Amino acid sequence: MHASIDLLQEKWVLHIIRALLAGPRGFNAIARDVGGVNTATLAQRLEKLEGLGVISKEVESTMPPRTRYELTEAGYELQDVIASIDSWARKHIKLDETGHDIEVVAG
Protein backbone atom coordinates (compact mmCIF):
# COMPACT_ATOMS: atom_id res chain seq x y z
CA MET A 1 0.00 0.00 0.00
CA HIS A 2 2.79 2.44 0.85
CA ALA A 3 4.41 1.90 -2.55
CA SER A 4 1.18 2.74 -4.39
CA ILE A 5 0.63 5.90 -2.35
CA ASP A 6 4.27 6.89 -2.89
CA LEU A 7 3.81 6.49 -6.65
CA LEU A 8 0.50 8.34 -6.90
CA GLN A 9 1.61 11.24 -4.70
CA GLU A 10 4.59 12.03 -6.93
CA LYS A 11 4.09 15.37 -8.61
CA TRP A 12 2.51 15.09 -12.07
CA VAL A 13 1.74 11.35 -11.94
CA LEU A 14 -2.03 11.70 -11.49
CA HIS A 15 -2.11 14.50 -14.07
CA ILE A 16 -0.35 12.24 -16.58
CA ILE A 17 -2.75 9.39 -15.90
CA ARG A 18 -5.73 11.73 -16.19
CA ALA A 19 -4.46 12.98 -19.56
CA LEU A 20 -4.01 9.42 -20.84
CA LEU A 21 -7.50 8.40 -19.71
CA ALA A 22 -8.70 10.37 -22.76
CA GLY A 23 -6.69 8.03 -25.00
CA PRO A 24 -3.18 7.55 -26.36
CA ARG A 25 -1.04 10.67 -26.57
CA GLY A 26 2.36 11.72 -27.80
CA PHE A 27 4.91 13.31 -25.48
CA ASN A 28 4.10 16.90 -26.48
CA ALA A 29 0.35 16.34 -26.21
CA ILE A 30 0.79 14.98 -22.68
CA ALA A 31 2.94 17.99 -21.79
CA ARG A 32 0.21 20.34 -23.09
CA ASP A 33 -2.57 18.43 -21.31
CA VAL A 34 -0.70 18.38 -18.01
CA GLY A 35 0.54 21.98 -18.24
CA GLY A 36 3.51 23.32 -16.31
CA VAL A 37 5.64 20.17 -16.19
CA ASN A 38 9.18 20.48 -17.52
CA THR A 39 10.22 18.00 -20.18
CA ALA A 40 12.89 16.26 -18.08
CA THR A 41 10.41 15.60 -15.27
CA LEU A 42 7.75 14.42 -17.71
CA ALA A 43 10.21 12.03 -19.36
CA GLN A 44 11.24 10.66 -15.96
CA ARG A 45 7.63 10.15 -14.82
CA LEU A 46 6.67 8.47 -18.10
CA GLU A 47 9.68 6.15 -17.87
CA LYS A 48 8.80 5.23 -14.29
CA LEU A 49 5.13 4.60 -15.14
CA GLU A 50 6.19 2.46 -18.09
CA GLY A 51 8.59 0.47 -15.90
CA LEU A 52 5.79 -0.20 -13.44
CA GLY A 53 3.42 -1.35 -16.17
CA VAL A 54 0.98 1.55 -15.78
CA ILE A 55 1.57 2.86 -19.30
CA SER A 56 2.99 1.46 -22.51
CA LYS A 57 5.21 3.30 -24.96
CA GLU A 58 5.31 2.77 -28.70
CA VAL A 59 8.00 4.35 -30.86
CA GLU A 60 6.20 5.38 -34.04
CA SER A 61 9.20 6.88 -35.83
CA THR A 62 12.79 7.74 -35.08
CA MET A 63 13.20 10.65 -37.51
CA PRO A 64 11.64 12.80 -36.33
CA PRO A 65 11.32 11.05 -32.96
CA ARG A 66 7.67 10.24 -32.27
CA THR A 67 6.38 8.19 -29.39
CA ARG A 68 2.88 7.31 -28.31
CA TYR A 69 1.95 6.59 -24.72
CA GLU A 70 -1.11 4.67 -23.63
CA LEU A 71 -2.46 3.38 -20.35
CA THR A 72 -2.24 -0.34 -19.80
CA GLU A 73 -5.11 -2.25 -18.23
CA ALA A 74 -3.56 -1.50 -14.83
CA GLY A 75 -3.42 2.18 -15.76
CA TYR A 76 -7.06 2.28 -16.83
CA GLU A 77 -7.99 0.76 -13.46
CA LEU A 78 -6.87 4.05 -11.89
CA GLN A 79 -9.86 5.78 -13.50
CA ASP A 80 -11.95 5.08 -10.39
CA VAL A 81 -9.23 6.60 -8.19
CA ILE A 82 -9.17 9.79 -10.28
CA ALA A 83 -12.98 9.93 -10.35
CA SER A 84 -13.10 9.56 -6.56
CA ILE A 85 -10.58 12.38 -6.06
CA ASP A 86 -12.58 14.57 -8.46
CA SER A 87 -15.84 13.80 -6.67
CA TRP A 88 -14.32 14.57 -3.28
CA ALA A 89 -12.83 17.84 -4.55
CA ARG A 90 -16.12 19.00 -6.08
CA LYS A 91 -17.79 18.42 -2.73
CA HIS A 92 -15.12 19.78 -0.39
CA ILE A 93 -12.77 22.20 -2.16
CA LYS A 94 -13.85 25.81 -2.54
CA LEU A 95 -12.38 27.56 -5.58
CA ASP A 96 -11.74 31.24 -6.18
CA GLU A 97 -12.97 33.03 -9.31
CA THR A 98 -9.92 31.83 -11.28
CA GLY A 99 -10.54 28.17 -10.40
CA HIS A 100 -7.71 27.86 -7.89
CA ASP A 101 -8.18 25.99 -4.60
CA ILE A 102 -8.60 28.32 -1.65
CA GLU A 103 -9.87 26.15 1.18
CA VAL A 104 -11.39 22.87 2.24
CA VAL A 105 -15.06 23.31 3.04
CA ALA A 106 -15.99 21.74 6.39
CA GLY A 107 -18.87 19.37 6.02
PDB file of N, CA and C in Angstrom:
ATOM      1  N   MET A   1       0.819  -1.198   0.000  1.00  0.00           N
ATOM      2  CA  MET A   1       0.000   0.000   0.000  1.00  0.00           C
ATOM      3  C   MET A   1       0.864   1.264   0.000  1.00  0.00           C
ATOM      4  N   HIS A   2       1.927   1.255   0.795  1.00  0.00           N
ATOM      5  CA  HIS A   2       2.787   2.436   0.852  1.00  0.00           C
ATOM      6  C   HIS A   2       3.409   2.733  -0.511  1.00  0.00           C
ATOM      7  N   ALA A   3       3.790   1.696  -1.241  1.00  0.00           N
ATOM      8  CA  ALA A   3       4.411   1.901  -2.554  1.00  0.00           C
ATOM      9  C   ALA A   3       3.434   2.553  -3.523  1.00  0.00           C
ATOM     10  N   SER A   4       2.160   2.145  -3.476  1.00  0.00           N
ATOM     11  CA  SER A   4       1.180   2.739  -4.388  1.00  0.00           C
ATOM     12  C   SER A   4       0.910   4.192  -4.029  1.00  0.00           C
ATOM     13  N   ILE A   5       0.831   4.498  -2.761  1.00  0.00           N
ATOM     14  CA  ILE A   5       0.631   5.897  -2.346  1.00  0.00           C
ATOM     15  C   ILE A   5       1.850   6.726  -2.720  1.00  0.00           C
ATOM     16  N   ASP A   6       3.048   6.171  -2.509  1.00  0.00           N
ATOM     17  CA  ASP A   6       4.268   6.889  -2.891  1.00  0.00           C
ATOM     18  C   ASP A   6       4.261   7.217  -4.378  1.00  0.00           C
ATOM     19  N   LEU A   7       3.857   6.256  -5.210  1.00  0.00           N
ATOM     20  CA  LEU A   7       3.809   6.492  -6.654  1.00  0.00           C
ATOM     21  C   LEU A   7       2.794   7.573  -7.001  1.00  0.00           C
ATOM     22  N   LEU A   8       1.574   7.432  -6.505  1.00  0.00           N
ATOM     23  CA  LEU A   8       0.501   8.338  -6.897  1.00  0.00           C
ATOM     24  C   LEU A   8       0.667   9.745  -6.333  1.00  0.00           C
ATOM     25  N   GLN A   9       1.426   9.898  -5.255  1.00  0.00           N
ATOM     26  CA  GLN A   9       1.614  11.236  -4.697  1.00  0.00           C
ATOM     27  C   GLN A   9       2.736  11.996  -5.380  1.00  0.00           C
ATOM     28  N   GLU A  10       3.532  11.318  -6.223  1.00  0.00           N
ATOM     29  CA  GLU A  10       4.592  12.029  -6.930  1.00  0.00           C
ATOM     30  C   GLU A  10       3.989  13.090  -7.835  1.00  0.00           C
ATOM     31  N   LYS A  11       4.599  14.255  -7.819  1.00  0.00           N
ATOM     32  CA  LYS A  11       4.089  15.368  -8.613  1.00  0.00           C
ATOM     33  C   LYS A  11       3.971  14.967 -10.072  1.00  0.00           C
ATOM     34  N   TRP A  12       2.858  15.275 -10.671  1.00  0.00           N
ATOM     35  CA  TRP A  12       2.506  15.094 -12.072  1.00  0.00           C
ATOM     36  C   TRP A  12       1.966  13.714 -12.419  1.00  0.00           C
ATOM     37  N   VAL A  13       2.151  12.710 -11.586  1.00  0.00           N
ATOM     38  CA  VAL A  13       1.736  11.352 -11.938  1.00  0.00           C
ATOM     39  C   VAL A  13       0.236  11.275 -12.200  1.00  0.00           C
ATOM     40  N   LEU A  14      -0.576  11.763 -11.287  1.00  0.00           N
ATOM     41  CA  LEU A  14      -2.033  11.698 -11.488  1.00  0.00           C
ATOM     42  C   LEU A  14      -2.470  12.567 -12.669  1.00  0.00           C
ATOM     43  N   HIS A  15      -1.793  13.659 -12.910  1.00  0.00           N
ATOM     44  CA  HIS A  15      -2.113  14.500 -14.068  1.00  0.00           C
ATOM     45  C   HIS A  15      -1.813  13.753 -15.380  1.00  0.00           C
ATOM     46  N   ILE A  16      -0.709  13.032 -15.402  1.00  0.00           N
ATOM     47  CA  ILE A  16      -0.349  12.243 -16.585  1.00  0.00           C
ATOM     48  C   ILE A  16      -1.387  11.158 -16.823  1.00  0.00           C
ATOM     49  N   ILE A  17      -1.754  10.456 -15.775  1.00  0.00           N
ATOM     50  CA  ILE A  17      -2.750   9.388 -15.903  1.00  0.00           C
ATOM     51  C   ILE A  17      -4.080   9.963 -16.365  1.00  0.00           C
ATOM     52  N   ARG A  18      -4.478  11.097 -15.784  1.00  0.00           N
ATOM     53  CA  ARG A  18      -5.732  11.734 -16.188  1.00  0.00           C
ATOM     54  C   ARG A  18      -5.697  12.089 -17.678  1.00  0.00           C
ATOM     55  N   ALA A  19      -4.583  12.629 -18.145  1.00  0.00           N
ATOM     56  CA  ALA A  19      -4.461  12.979 -19.560  1.00  0.00           C
ATOM     57  C   ALA A  19      -4.586  11.742 -20.445  1.00  0.00           C
ATOM     58  N   LEU A  20      -3.990  10.641 -20.028  1.00  0.00           N
ATOM     59  CA  LEU A  20      -4.014   9.425 -20.836  1.00  0.00           C
ATOM     60  C   LEU A  20      -5.345   8.675 -20.749  1.00  0.00           C
ATOM     61  N   LEU A  21      -6.166   8.998 -19.767  1.00  0.00           N
ATOM     62  CA  LEU A  21      -7.501   8.396 -19.707  1.00  0.00           C
ATOM     63  C   LEU A  21      -8.331   8.786 -20.929  1.00  0.00           C
ATOM     64  N   ALA A  22      -7.999   9.915 -21.550  1.00  0.00           N
ATOM     65  CA  ALA A  22      -8.701  10.368 -22.755  1.00  0.00           C
ATOM     66  C   ALA A  22      -8.238   9.613 -23.999  1.00  0.00           C
ATOM     67  N   GLY A  23      -7.191   8.808 -23.878  1.00  0.00           N
ATOM     68  CA  GLY A  23      -6.692   8.031 -25.001  1.00  0.00           C
ATOM     69  C   GLY A  23      -5.207   8.221 -25.187  1.00  0.00           C
ATOM     70  N   PRO A  24      -4.619   7.471 -26.110  1.00  0.00           N
ATOM     71  CA  PRO A  24      -3.178   7.551 -26.361  1.00  0.00           C
ATOM     72  C   PRO A  24      -2.760   8.972 -26.739  1.00  0.00           C
ATOM     73  N   ARG A  25      -1.560   9.335 -26.315  1.00  0.00           N
ATOM     74  CA  ARG A  25      -1.040  10.674 -26.566  1.00  0.00           C
ATOM     75  C   ARG A  25       0.455  10.591 -26.849  1.00  0.00           C
ATOM     76  N   GLY A  26       0.932  11.539 -27.616  1.00  0.00           N
ATOM     77  CA  GLY A  26       2.359  11.722 -27.800  1.00  0.00           C
ATOM     78  C   GLY A  26       2.916  12.531 -26.639  1.00  0.00           C
ATOM     79  N   PHE A  27       4.230  12.602 -26.566  1.00  0.00           N
ATOM     80  CA  PHE A  27       4.906  13.307 -25.478  1.00  0.00           C
ATOM     81  C   PHE A  27       4.448  14.761 -25.380  1.00  0.00           C
ATOM     82  N   ASN A  28       4.462  15.475 -26.502  1.00  0.00           N
ATOM     83  CA  ASN A  28       4.102  16.902 -26.480  1.00  0.00           C
ATOM     84  C   ASN A  28       2.638  17.111 -26.115  1.00  0.00           C
ATOM     85  N   ALA A  29       1.766  16.219 -26.561  1.00  0.00           N
ATOM     86  CA  ALA A  29       0.351  16.338 -26.211  1.00  0.00           C
ATOM     87  C   ALA A  29       0.151  16.127 -24.711  1.00  0.00           C
ATOM     88  N   ILE A  30       0.880  15.189 -24.132  1.00  0.00           N
ATOM     89  CA  ILE A  30       0.790  14.978 -22.680  1.00  0.00           C
ATOM     90  C   ILE A  30       1.277  16.227 -21.962  1.00  0.00           C
ATOM     91  N   ALA A  31       2.394  16.781 -22.417  1.00  0.00           N
ATOM     92  CA  ALA A  31       2.936  17.995 -21.793  1.00  0.00           C
ATOM     93  C   ALA A  31       1.917  19.125 -21.835  1.00  0.00           C
ATOM     94  N   ARG A  32       1.245  19.293 -22.974  1.00  0.00           N
ATOM     95  CA  ARG A  32       0.214  20.344 -23.086  1.00  0.00           C
ATOM     96  C   ARG A  32      -0.965  20.049 -22.162  1.00  0.00           C
ATOM     97  N   ASP A  33      -1.421  18.804 -22.146  1.00  0.00           N
ATOM     98  CA  ASP A  33      -2.574  18.435 -21.312  1.00  0.00           C
ATOM     99  C   ASP A  33      -2.284  18.630 -19.825  1.00  0.00           C
ATOM    100  N   VAL A  34      -1.072  18.280 -19.421  1.00  0.00           N
ATOM    101  CA  VAL A  34      -0.697  18.385 -18.014  1.00  0.00           C
ATOM    102  C   VAL A  34      -0.455  19.843 -17.649  1.00  0.00           C
ATOM    103  N   GLY A  35       0.271  20.560 -18.479  1.00  0.00           N
ATOM    104  CA  GLY A  35       0.543  21.981 -18.244  1.00  0.00           C
ATOM    105  C   GLY A  35       1.495  22.223 -17.093  1.00  0.00           C
ATOM    106  N   GLY A  36       2.600  22.912 -17.358  1.00  0.00           N
ATOM    107  CA  GLY A  36       3.514  23.322 -16.309  1.00  0.00           C
ATOM    108  C   GLY A  36       4.616  22.341 -15.963  1.00  0.00           C
ATOM    109  N   VAL A  37       4.592  21.148 -16.495  1.00  0.00           N
ATOM    110  CA  VAL A  37       5.636  20.171 -16.189  1.00  0.00           C
ATOM    111  C   VAL A  37       6.812  20.384 -17.147  1.00  0.00           C
ATOM    112  N   ASN A  38       8.039  20.339 -16.613  1.00  0.00           N
ATOM    113  CA  ASN A  38       9.182  20.478 -17.516  1.00  0.00           C
ATOM    114  C   ASN A  38       9.444  19.142 -18.199  1.00  0.00           C
ATOM    115  N   THR A  39      10.088  19.195 -19.343  1.00  0.00           N
ATOM    116  CA  THR A  39      10.221  17.997 -20.177  1.00  0.00           C
ATOM    117  C   THR A  39      11.057  16.903 -19.514  1.00  0.00           C
ATOM    118  N   ALA A  40      12.064  17.273 -18.755  1.00  0.00           N
ATOM    119  CA  ALA A  40      12.888  16.265 -18.078  1.00  0.00           C
ATOM    120  C   ALA A  40      12.071  15.511 -17.037  1.00  0.00           C
ATOM    121  N   THR A  41      11.265  16.234 -16.283  1.00  0.00           N
ATOM    122  CA  THR A  41      10.414  15.597 -15.272  1.00  0.00           C
ATOM    123  C   THR A  41       9.367  14.722 -15.932  1.00  0.00           C
ATOM    124  N   LEU A  42       8.755  15.216 -17.006  1.00  0.00           N
ATOM    125  CA  LEU A  42       7.751  14.422 -17.709  1.00  0.00           C
ATOM    126  C   LEU A  42       8.372  13.130 -18.230  1.00  0.00           C
ATOM    127  N   ALA A  43       9.539  13.220 -18.838  1.00  0.00           N
ATOM    128  CA  ALA A  43      10.211  12.026 -19.360  1.00  0.00           C
ATOM    129  C   ALA A  43      10.497  11.031 -18.239  1.00  0.00           C
ATOM    130  N   GLN A  44      10.941  11.539 -17.097  1.00  0.00           N
ATOM    131  CA  GLN A  44      11.236  10.659 -15.956  1.00  0.00           C
ATOM    132  C   GLN A  44       9.978   9.979 -15.444  1.00  0.00           C
ATOM    133  N   ARG A  45       8.882  10.740 -15.314  1.00  0.00           N
ATOM    134  CA  ARG A  45       7.630  10.150 -14.823  1.00  0.00           C
ATOM    135  C   ARG A  45       7.083   9.116 -15.802  1.00  0.00           C
ATOM    136  N   LEU A  46       7.142   9.418 -17.095  1.00  0.00           N
ATOM    137  CA  LEU A  46       6.669   8.472 -18.100  1.00  0.00           C
ATOM    138  C   LEU A  46       7.498   7.188 -18.068  1.00  0.00           C
ATOM    139  N   GLU A  47       8.802   7.327 -17.939  1.00  0.00           N
ATOM    140  CA  GLU A  47       9.677   6.155 -17.867  1.00  0.00           C
ATOM    141  C   GLU A  47       9.345   5.303 -16.642  1.00  0.00           C
ATOM    142  N   LYS A  48       9.123   5.961 -15.515  1.00  0.00           N
ATOM    143  CA  LYS A  48       8.795   5.226 -14.289  1.00  0.00           C
ATOM    144  C   LYS A  48       7.453   4.509 -14.434  1.00  0.00           C
ATOM    145  N   LEU A  49       6.447   5.210 -14.962  1.00  0.00           N
ATOM    146  CA  LEU A  49       5.129   4.599 -15.137  1.00  0.00           C
ATOM    147  C   LEU A  49       5.186   3.436 -16.124  1.00  0.00           C
ATOM    148  N   GLU A  50       6.022   3.564 -17.146  1.00  0.00           N
ATOM    149  CA  GLU A  50       6.194   2.465 -18.089  1.00  0.00           C
ATOM    150  C   GLU A  50       6.861   1.275 -17.396  1.00  0.00           C
ATOM    151  N   GLY A  51       7.884   1.531 -16.630  1.00  0.00           N
ATOM    152  CA  GLY A  51       8.588   0.470 -15.904  1.00  0.00           C
ATOM    153  C   GLY A  51       7.702  -0.277 -14.932  1.00  0.00           C
ATOM    154  N   LEU A  52       6.719   0.421 -14.386  1.00  0.00           N
ATOM    155  CA  LEU A  52       5.790  -0.196 -13.437  1.00  0.00           C
ATOM    156  C   LEU A  52       4.602  -0.867 -14.121  1.00  0.00           C
ATOM    157  N   GLY A  53       4.514  -0.713 -15.433  1.00  0.00           N
ATOM    158  CA  GLY A  53       3.424  -1.349 -16.166  1.00  0.00           C
ATOM    159  C   GLY A  53       2.115  -0.580 -16.144  1.00  0.00           C
ATOM    160  N   VAL A  54       2.181   0.705 -15.814  1.00  0.00           N
ATOM    161  CA  VAL A  54       0.978   1.548 -15.777  1.00  0.00           C
ATOM    162  C   VAL A  54       0.680   2.109 -17.162  1.00  0.00           C
ATOM    163  N   ILE A  55       1.734   2.378 -17.924  1.00  0.00           N
ATOM    164  CA  ILE A  55       1.573   2.858 -19.295  1.00  0.00           C
ATOM    165  C   ILE A  55       2.455   2.019 -20.219  1.00  0.00           C
ATOM    166  N   SER A  56       2.130   2.069 -21.501  1.00  0.00           N
ATOM    167  CA  SER A  56       2.991   1.456 -22.507  1.00  0.00           C
ATOM    168  C   SER A  56       3.454   2.555 -23.449  1.00  0.00           C
ATOM    169  N   LYS A  57       4.606   2.329 -24.053  1.00  0.00           N
ATOM    170  CA  LYS A  57       5.206   3.305 -24.964  1.00  0.00           C
ATOM    171  C   LYS A  57       5.456   2.618 -26.292  1.00  0.00           C
ATOM    172  N   GLU A  58       5.054   3.279 -27.357  1.00  0.00           N
ATOM    173  CA  GLU A  58       5.312   2.771 -28.697  1.00  0.00           C
ATOM    174  C   GLU A  58       6.078   3.826 -29.472  1.00  0.00           C
ATOM    175  N   VAL A  59       7.219   3.447 -30.020  1.00  0.00           N
ATOM    176  CA  VAL A  59       7.995   4.353 -30.858  1.00  0.00           C
ATOM    177  C   VAL A  59       7.419   4.251 -32.260  1.00  0.00           C
ATOM    178  N   GLU A  60       6.840   5.367 -32.730  1.00  0.00           N
ATOM    179  CA  GLU A  60       6.204   5.379 -34.045  1.00  0.00           C
ATOM    180  C   GLU A  60       7.174   5.728 -35.153  1.00  0.00           C
ATOM    181  N   SER A  61       8.161   6.559 -34.856  1.00  0.00           N
ATOM    182  CA  SER A  61       9.200   6.879 -35.828  1.00  0.00           C
ATOM    183  C   SER A  61      10.420   7.402 -35.082  1.00  0.00           C
ATOM    184  N   THR A  62      11.567   7.254 -35.712  1.00  0.00           N
ATOM    185  CA  THR A  62      12.793   7.742 -35.079  1.00  0.00           C
ATOM    186  C   THR A  62      13.250   9.075 -35.663  1.00  0.00           C
ATOM    187  N   MET A  63      12.845   9.375 -36.895  1.00  0.00           N
ATOM    188  CA  MET A  63      13.196  10.654 -37.512  1.00  0.00           C
ATOM    189  C   MET A  63      11.987  11.258 -38.174  1.00  0.00           C
ATOM    190  N   PRO A  64      11.358  12.232 -37.642  1.00  0.00           N
ATOM    191  CA  PRO A  64      11.641  12.795 -36.329  1.00  0.00           C
ATOM    192  C   PRO A  64      11.169  11.830 -35.236  1.00  0.00           C
ATOM    193  N   PRO A  65      11.727  11.957 -34.037  1.00  0.00           N
ATOM    194  CA  PRO A  65      11.320  11.050 -32.962  1.00  0.00           C
ATOM    195  C   PRO A  65       9.849  11.262 -32.600  1.00  0.00           C
ATOM    196  N   ARG A  66       9.081  10.185 -32.647  1.00  0.00           N
ATOM    197  CA  ARG A  66       7.668  10.241 -32.269  1.00  0.00           C
ATOM    198  C   ARG A  66       7.353   9.023 -31.425  1.00  0.00           C
ATOM    199  N   THR A  67       6.791   9.282 -30.262  1.00  0.00           N
ATOM    200  CA  THR A  67       6.377   8.189 -29.389  1.00  0.00           C
ATOM    201  C   THR A  67       4.917   8.372 -29.033  1.00  0.00           C
ATOM    202  N   ARG A  68       4.280   7.273 -28.717  1.00  0.00           N
ATOM    203  CA  ARG A  68       2.880   7.306 -28.311  1.00  0.00           C
ATOM    204  C   ARG A  68       2.789   6.553 -26.996  1.00  0.00           C
ATOM    205  N   TYR A  69       2.141   7.184 -26.035  1.00  0.00           N
ATOM    206  CA  TYR A  69       1.955   6.594 -24.718  1.00  0.00           C
ATOM    207  C   TYR A  69       0.492   6.250 -24.532  1.00  0.00           C
ATOM    208  N   GLU A  70       0.252   5.126 -23.858  1.00  0.00           N
ATOM    209  CA  GLU A  70      -1.111   4.667 -23.628  1.00  0.00           C
ATOM    210  C   GLU A  70      -1.165   3.967 -22.283  1.00  0.00           C
ATOM    211  N   LEU A  71      -2.287   4.108 -21.606  1.00  0.00           N
ATOM    212  CA  LEU A  71      -2.464   3.383 -20.353  1.00  0.00           C
ATOM    213  C   LEU A  71      -2.597   1.896 -20.638  1.00  0.00           C
ATOM    214  N   THR A  72      -2.033   1.096 -19.756  1.00  0.00           N
ATOM    215  CA  THR A  72      -2.238  -0.340 -19.804  1.00  0.00           C
ATOM    216  C   THR A  72      -3.546  -0.636 -19.071  1.00  0.00           C
ATOM    217  N   GLU A  73      -3.908  -1.893 -18.999  1.00  0.00           N
ATOM    218  CA  GLU A  73      -5.107  -2.253 -18.229  1.00  0.00           C
ATOM    219  C   GLU A  73      -4.978  -1.784 -16.785  1.00  0.00           C
ATOM    220  N   ALA A  74      -3.792  -1.963 -16.209  1.00  0.00           N
ATOM    221  CA  ALA A  74      -3.558  -1.497 -14.832  1.00  0.00           C
ATOM    222  C   ALA A  74      -3.719   0.018 -14.734  1.00  0.00           C
ATOM    223  N   GLY A  75      -3.266   0.728 -15.756  1.00  0.00           N
ATOM    224  CA  GLY A  75      -3.415   2.184 -15.759  1.00  0.00           C
ATOM    225  C   GLY A  75      -4.865   2.606 -15.837  1.00  0.00           C
ATOM    226  N   TYR A  76      -5.631   1.943 -16.707  1.00  0.00           N
ATOM    227  CA  TYR A  76      -7.056   2.281 -16.826  1.00  0.00           C
ATOM    228  C   TYR A  76      -7.819   1.989 -15.535  1.00  0.00           C
ATOM    229  N   GLU A  77      -7.339   1.050 -14.740  1.00  0.00           N
ATOM    230  CA  GLU A  77      -7.991   0.756 -13.463  1.00  0.00           C
ATOM    231  C   GLU A  77      -7.881   1.923 -12.483  1.00  0.00           C
ATOM    232  N   LEU A  78      -6.990   2.862 -12.745  1.00  0.00           N
ATOM    233  CA  LEU A  78      -6.869   4.049 -11.887  1.00  0.00           C
ATOM    234  C   LEU A  78      -7.953   5.086 -12.172  1.00  0.00           C
ATOM    235  N   GLN A  79      -8.781   4.849 -13.175  1.00  0.00           N
ATOM    236  CA  GLN A  79      -9.857   5.780 -13.502  1.00  0.00           C
ATOM    237  C   GLN A  79     -10.776   5.994 -12.306  1.00  0.00           C
ATOM    238  N   ASP A  80     -11.088   4.942 -11.567  1.00  0.00           N
ATOM    239  CA  ASP A  80     -11.948   5.083 -10.389  1.00  0.00           C
ATOM    240  C   ASP A  80     -11.281   5.924  -9.299  1.00  0.00           C
ATOM    241  N   VAL A  81      -9.966   5.795  -9.175  1.00  0.00           N
ATOM    242  CA  VAL A  81      -9.226   6.602  -8.186  1.00  0.00           C
ATOM    243  C   VAL A  81      -9.335   8.079  -8.558  1.00  0.00           C
ATOM    244  N   ILE A  82      -9.105   8.391  -9.818  1.00  0.00           N
ATOM    245  CA  ILE A  82      -9.174   9.789 -10.277  1.00  0.00           C
ATOM    246  C   ILE A  82     -10.597  10.322 -10.131  1.00  0.00           C
ATOM    247  N   ALA A  83     -11.587   9.505 -10.478  1.00  0.00           N
ATOM    248  CA  ALA A  83     -12.984   9.928 -10.354  1.00  0.00           C
ATOM    249  C   ALA A  83     -13.339  10.186  -8.891  1.00  0.00           C
ATOM    250  N   SER A  84     -12.827   9.363  -7.987  1.00  0.00           N
ATOM    251  CA  SER A  84     -13.100   9.556  -6.558  1.00  0.00           C
ATOM    252  C   SER A  84     -12.471  10.846  -6.045  1.00  0.00           C
ATOM    253  N   ILE A  85     -11.252  11.131  -6.468  1.00  0.00           N
ATOM    254  CA  ILE A  85     -10.585  12.383  -6.064  1.00  0.00           C
ATOM    255  C   ILE A  85     -11.372  13.577  -6.598  1.00  0.00           C
ATOM    256  N   ASP A  86     -11.798  13.499  -7.859  1.00  0.00           N
ATOM    257  CA  ASP A  86     -12.581  14.575  -8.461  1.00  0.00           C
ATOM    258  C   ASP A  86     -13.888  14.788  -7.713  1.00  0.00           C
ATOM    259  N   SER A  87     -14.569  13.708  -7.402  1.00  0.00           N
ATOM    260  CA  SER A  87     -15.844  13.798  -6.675  1.00  0.00           C
ATOM    261  C   SER A  87     -15.642  14.432  -5.296  1.00  0.00           C
ATOM    262  N   TRP A  88     -14.608  14.001  -4.596  1.00  0.00           N
ATOM    263  CA  TRP A  88     -14.317  14.570  -3.278  1.00  0.00           C
ATOM    264  C   TRP A  88     -14.021  16.062  -3.402  1.00  0.00           C
ATOM    265  N   ALA A  89     -13.203  16.433  -4.386  1.00  0.00           N
ATOM    266  CA  ALA A  89     -12.827  17.838  -4.554  1.00  0.00           C
ATOM    267  C   ALA A  89     -14.040  18.708  -4.871  1.00  0.00           C
ATOM    268  N   ARG A  90     -14.921  18.220  -5.731  1.00  0.00           N
ATOM    269  CA  ARG A  90     -16.121  18.996  -6.078  1.00  0.00           C
ATOM    270  C   ARG A  90     -17.007  19.232  -4.854  1.00  0.00           C
ATOM    271  N   LYS A  91     -16.968  18.303  -3.935  1.00  0.00           N
ATOM    272  CA  LYS A  91     -17.790  18.420  -2.733  1.00  0.00           C
ATOM    273  C   LYS A  91     -17.116  19.271  -1.653  1.00  0.00           C
ATOM    274  N   HIS A  92     -15.789  19.205  -1.565  1.00  0.00           N
ATOM    275  CA  HIS A  92     -15.117  19.777  -0.392  1.00  0.00           C
ATOM    276  C   HIS A  92     -14.133  20.911  -0.660  1.00  0.00           C
ATOM    277  N   ILE A  93     -13.752  21.153  -1.893  1.00  0.00           N
ATOM    278  CA  ILE A  93     -12.768  22.200  -2.164  1.00  0.00           C
ATOM    279  C   ILE A  93     -13.467  23.428  -2.735  1.00  0.00           C
ATOM    280  N   LYS A  94     -13.295  24.543  -2.067  1.00  0.00           N
ATOM    281  CA  LYS A  94     -13.850  25.809  -2.542  1.00  0.00           C
ATOM    282  C   LYS A  94     -12.819  26.467  -3.448  1.00  0.00           C
ATOM    283  N   LEU A  95     -13.273  26.931  -4.608  1.00  0.00           N
ATOM    284  CA  LEU A  95     -12.385  27.562  -5.582  1.00  0.00           C
ATOM    285  C   LEU A  95     -12.615  29.065  -5.624  1.00  0.00           C
ATOM    286  N   ASP A  96     -11.556  29.808  -5.965  1.00  0.00           N
ATOM    287  CA  ASP A  96     -11.737  31.237  -6.179  1.00  0.00           C
ATOM    288  C   ASP A  96     -12.236  31.462  -7.605  1.00  0.00           C
ATOM    289  N   GLU A  97     -12.397  32.720  -7.995  1.00  0.00           N
ATOM    290  CA  GLU A  97     -12.967  33.028  -9.306  1.00  0.00           C
ATOM    291  C   GLU A  97     -12.093  32.579 -10.474  1.00  0.00           C
ATOM    292  N   THR A  98     -10.802  32.306 -10.215  1.00  0.00           N
ATOM    293  CA  THR A  98      -9.915  31.825 -11.280  1.00  0.00           C
ATOM    294  C   THR A  98      -9.846  30.308 -11.333  1.00  0.00           C
ATOM    295  N   GLY A  99     -10.547  29.633 -10.414  1.00  0.00           N
ATOM    296  CA  GLY A  99     -10.545  28.172 -10.404  1.00  0.00           C
ATOM    297  C   GLY A  99      -9.459  27.560  -9.550  1.00  0.00           C
ATOM    298  N   HIS A 100      -8.747  28.373  -8.764  1.00  0.00           N
ATOM    299  CA  HIS A 100      -7.712  27.855  -7.889  1.00  0.00           C
ATOM    300  C   HIS A 100      -8.291  27.477  -6.527  1.00  0.00           C
ATOM    301  N   ASP A 101      -7.745  26.418  -5.930  1.00  0.00           N
ATOM    302  CA  ASP A 101      -8.179  25.985  -4.603  1.00  0.00           C
ATOM    303  C   ASP A 101      -7.892  27.085  -3.585  1.00  0.00           C
ATOM    304  N   ILE A 102      -8.877  27.344  -2.712  1.00  0.00           N
ATOM    305  CA  ILE A 102      -8.604  28.322  -1.654  1.00  0.00           C
ATOM    306  C   ILE A 102      -8.836  27.759  -0.261  1.00  0.00           C
ATOM    307  N   GLU A 103      -9.687  26.748  -0.144  1.00  0.00           N
ATOM    308  CA  GLU A 103      -9.875  26.153   1.180  1.00  0.00           C
ATOM    309  C   GLU A 103     -10.693  24.878   1.074  1.00  0.00           C
ATOM    310  N   VAL A 104     -10.545  24.052   2.118  1.00  0.00           N
ATOM    311  CA  VAL A 104     -11.388  22.869   2.241  1.00  0.00           C
ATOM    312  C   VAL A 104     -12.629  23.300   2.984  1.00  0.00           C
ATOM    313  N   VAL A 105     -13.777  22.945   2.448  1.00  0.00           N
ATOM    314  CA  VAL A 105     -15.055  23.310   3.042  1.00  0.00           C
ATOM    315  C   VAL A 105     -15.410  22.247   4.070  1.00  0.00           C
ATOM    316  N   ALA A 106     -15.605  22.682   5.324  1.00  0.00           N
ATOM    317  CA  ALA A 106     -15.988  21.743   6.390  1.00  0.00           C
ATOM    318  C   ALA A 106     -17.401  21.240   6.134  1.00  0.00           C
ATOM    319  N   GLY A 107     -17.569  19.940   6.333  1.00  0.00           N
ATOM    320  CA  GLY A 107     -18.873  19.366   6.023  1.00  0.00           C
ATOM    321  C   GLY A 107     -19.666  18.976   7.186  1.00  0.00           C
TER     322      GLY A 107
END
